[in-house]
Structures are given as structure tokens and as C-alpha cells.
Amino acid sequence: MSPKVQVLLLVVGLITFLAVHAEEELSETEESERSCANEYQSCNWTNRPCCDNISCVL
């Protein structure tokens, strides 16, 4: 296998790995954001309560 093909496969593999890792991190962040609302974010007590009993926008 030529060095150019090896480099191309390495780059494609690295990009794929980083894309999968970023997708997992994004889904974890979205999940934690859905669980509670931080200060100055909209919230309601039935679907999205305020984090740590701080004031949020109702």
C-alpha cells in the first residue's frame, strides 16, 4: 500500500473517530441541559425545573 493511501486512511479514520466522540459528548450535554434550567433560562416545575433552586425565567 502506498504511503499516500495510508495517510488518507489515517485521516479518514481520525475524522470518523472525532465525529463519533463529538456526537456522544453533544448528546450528554443536551441531556443535562434538558434536566434542569440554569439561571436566566426558561423553566417550569413540571417539565424543566430550575437547577439548584436558583431563579430562572418562568
N, C-alpha and C. Protein backbone atom coordinates (compact mmCIF):
# COMPACT_ATOMS: atom_id res chain seq x y z
N MET A 1 0.86 -1.17 0.00
CA MET A 1 0.00 0.00 0.00
C MET A 1 0.91 1.23 0.00
N SER A 2 0.56 2.18 -0.82
CA SER A 2 1.42 3.37 -0.94
C SER A 2 1.25 4.28 0.29
N PRO A 3 2.25 5.08 0.58
CA PRO A 3 2.16 5.99 1.73
C PRO A 3 1.00 6.98 1.65
N LYS A 4 0.67 7.40 0.42
CA LYS A 4 -0.45 8.35 0.26
C LYS A 4 -1.76 7.70 0.69
N VAL A 5 -1.96 6.46 0.33
CA VAL A 5 -3.19 5.75 0.70
C VAL A 5 -3.23 5.54 2.21
N GLN A 6 -2.10 5.21 2.81
CA GLN A 6 -2.04 5.03 4.26
C GLN A 6 -2.38 6.32 5.00
N VAL A 7 -1.85 7.44 4.52
CA VAL A 7 -2.14 8.73 5.14
C VAL A 7 -3.62 9.07 4.97
N LEU A 8 -4.16 8.81 3.80
CA LEU A 8 -5.58 9.07 3.56
C LEU A 8 -6.45 8.24 4.50
N LEU A 9 -6.14 6.97 4.65
CA LEU A 9 -6.91 6.12 5.56
C LEU A 9 -6.78 6.58 7.00
N LEU A 10 -5.60 7.00 7.39
CA LEU A 10 -5.39 7.51 8.74
C LEU A 10 -6.23 8.76 8.99
N VAL A 11 -6.24 9.68 8.03
CA VAL A 11 -7.00 10.92 8.17
C VAL A 11 -8.50 10.62 8.24
N VAL A 12 -8.98 9.75 7.37
CA VAL A 12 -10.41 9.39 7.37
C VAL A 12 -10.78 8.72 8.70
N GLY A 13 -9.93 7.83 9.18
CA GLY A 13 -10.20 7.18 10.46
C GLY A 13 -10.22 8.16 11.62
N LEU A 14 -9.29 9.10 11.62
CA LEU A 14 -9.24 10.11 12.68
C LEU A 14 -10.47 11.00 12.66
N ILE A 15 -10.88 11.43 11.48
CA ILE A 15 -12.07 12.27 11.36
C ILE A 15 -13.30 11.51 11.83
N THR A 16 -13.42 10.25 11.46
CA THR A 16 -14.56 9.43 11.89
C THR A 16 -14.57 9.28 13.41
N PHE A 17 -13.42 9.00 13.99
CA PHE A 17 -13.32 8.85 15.44
C PHE A 17 -13.73 10.14 16.15
N LEU A 18 -13.23 11.27 15.68
CA LEU A 18 -13.56 12.55 16.31
C LEU A 18 -15.04 12.89 16.15
N ALA A 19 -15.62 12.57 15.01
CA ALA A 19 -17.04 12.85 14.79
C ALA A 19 -17.91 12.03 15.73
N VAL A 20 -17.59 10.76 15.91
CA VAL A 20 -18.36 9.91 16.81
C VAL A 20 -18.22 10.40 18.25
N HIS A 21 -17.01 10.74 18.64
CA HIS A 21 -16.77 11.23 20.00
C HIS A 21 -17.51 12.55 20.25
N ALA A 22 -17.50 13.45 19.28
CA ALA A 22 -18.20 14.73 19.43
C ALA A 22 -19.70 14.51 19.53
N GLU A 23 -20.24 13.58 18.77
CA GLU A 23 -21.67 13.28 18.81
C GLU A 23 -22.08 12.76 20.19
N GLU A 24 -21.26 11.89 20.79
CA GLU A 24 -21.56 11.37 22.13
C GLU A 24 -21.53 12.49 23.16
N GLU A 25 -20.55 13.36 23.06
CA GLU A 25 -20.43 14.45 24.02
C GLU A 25 -21.60 15.42 23.88
N LEU A 26 -22.02 15.67 22.65
CA LEU A 26 -23.14 16.56 22.41
C LEU A 26 -24.42 15.99 23.01
N SER A 27 -24.64 14.70 22.84
CA SER A 27 -25.87 14.11 23.39
C SER A 27 -25.86 14.15 24.91
N GLU A 28 -24.69 13.97 25.55
CA GLU A 28 -24.61 14.08 27.01
C GLU A 28 -24.91 15.50 27.46
N THR A 29 -24.41 16.49 26.73
CA THR A 29 -24.65 17.88 27.07
C THR A 29 -26.12 18.23 26.91
N GLU A 30 -26.74 17.79 25.82
CA GLU A 30 -28.16 18.06 25.61
C GLU A 30 -28.99 17.42 26.71
N GLU A 31 -28.63 16.22 27.11
CA GLU A 31 -29.39 15.53 28.16
C GLU A 31 -29.31 16.30 29.47
N SER A 32 -28.13 16.77 29.83
CA SER A 32 -28.00 17.50 31.09
C SER A 32 -28.70 18.85 31.01
N GLU A 33 -28.72 19.48 29.83
CA GLU A 33 -29.41 20.75 29.69
C GLU A 33 -30.91 20.57 29.82
N ARG A 34 -31.44 19.44 29.37
CA ARG A 34 -32.87 19.19 29.47
C ARG A 34 -33.30 18.92 30.90
N SER A 35 -32.40 18.45 31.72
CA SER A 35 -32.79 18.03 33.06
C SER A 35 -33.15 19.20 33.97
N CYS A 36 -32.46 20.34 33.86
CA CYS A 36 -32.81 21.50 34.67
C CYS A 36 -32.36 22.78 33.96
N ALA A 37 -32.94 23.89 34.37
CA ALA A 37 -32.64 25.18 33.75
C ALA A 37 -31.70 25.97 34.63
N ASN A 38 -30.66 26.52 34.05
CA ASN A 38 -29.74 27.38 34.78
C ASN A 38 -30.32 28.78 34.92
N GLU A 39 -29.61 29.64 35.61
CA GLU A 39 -30.08 31.00 35.85
C GLU A 39 -30.35 31.71 34.53
N TYR A 40 -31.44 32.44 34.47
CA TYR A 40 -31.89 33.22 33.32
C TYR A 40 -32.34 32.36 32.13
N GLN A 41 -32.51 31.06 32.32
CA GLN A 41 -33.08 30.22 31.28
C GLN A 41 -34.54 29.96 31.61
N SER A 42 -35.33 29.66 30.59
CA SER A 42 -36.75 29.42 30.85
C SER A 42 -36.93 28.06 31.52
N CYS A 43 -37.92 27.99 32.40
CA CYS A 43 -38.17 26.74 33.12
C CYS A 43 -39.63 26.68 33.54
N ASN A 44 -40.06 25.50 33.93
CA ASN A 44 -41.33 25.32 34.62
C ASN A 44 -41.17 24.10 35.50
N TRP A 45 -41.96 24.00 36.53
CA TRP A 45 -41.73 22.97 37.54
C TRP A 45 -42.17 21.59 37.09
N THR A 46 -42.95 21.48 36.01
CA THR A 46 -43.39 20.15 35.58
C THR A 46 -42.43 19.52 34.58
N ASN A 47 -41.91 20.29 33.62
CA ASN A 47 -41.05 19.72 32.59
C ASN A 47 -39.56 19.99 32.78
N ARG A 48 -39.22 21.19 33.20
CA ARG A 48 -37.81 21.58 33.32
C ARG A 48 -37.63 22.47 34.53
N PRO A 49 -37.35 21.90 35.69
CA PRO A 49 -37.18 22.71 36.90
C PRO A 49 -35.88 23.49 36.88
N CYS A 50 -35.77 24.47 37.75
CA CYS A 50 -34.55 25.26 37.86
C CYS A 50 -33.47 24.43 38.56
N CYS A 51 -32.23 24.60 38.15
CA CYS A 51 -31.10 23.90 38.77
C CYS A 51 -30.80 24.51 40.13
N ASP A 52 -30.58 23.68 41.13
CA ASP A 52 -30.15 24.11 42.46
C ASP A 52 -31.03 25.19 43.07
N ASN A 53 -32.32 25.17 42.77
CA ASN A 53 -33.28 26.14 43.31
C ASN A 53 -32.90 27.59 43.06
N ILE A 54 -32.25 27.87 41.93
CA ILE A 54 -31.93 29.25 41.57
C ILE A 54 -33.11 29.86 40.85
N SER A 55 -33.12 31.19 40.71
CA SER A 55 -34.23 31.80 39.99
C SER A 55 -34.01 31.67 38.49
N CYS A 56 -35.04 31.28 37.82
CA CYS A 56 -34.98 31.21 36.36
C CYS A 56 -36.23 31.87 35.80
N VAL A 57 -36.26 32.07 34.52
CA VAL A 57 -37.36 32.76 33.86
C VAL A 57 -38.51 31.78 33.67
N LEU A 58 -39.68 32.15 34.18
CA LEU A 58 -40.85 31.27 34.05
C LEU A 58 -41.59 31.51 32.77
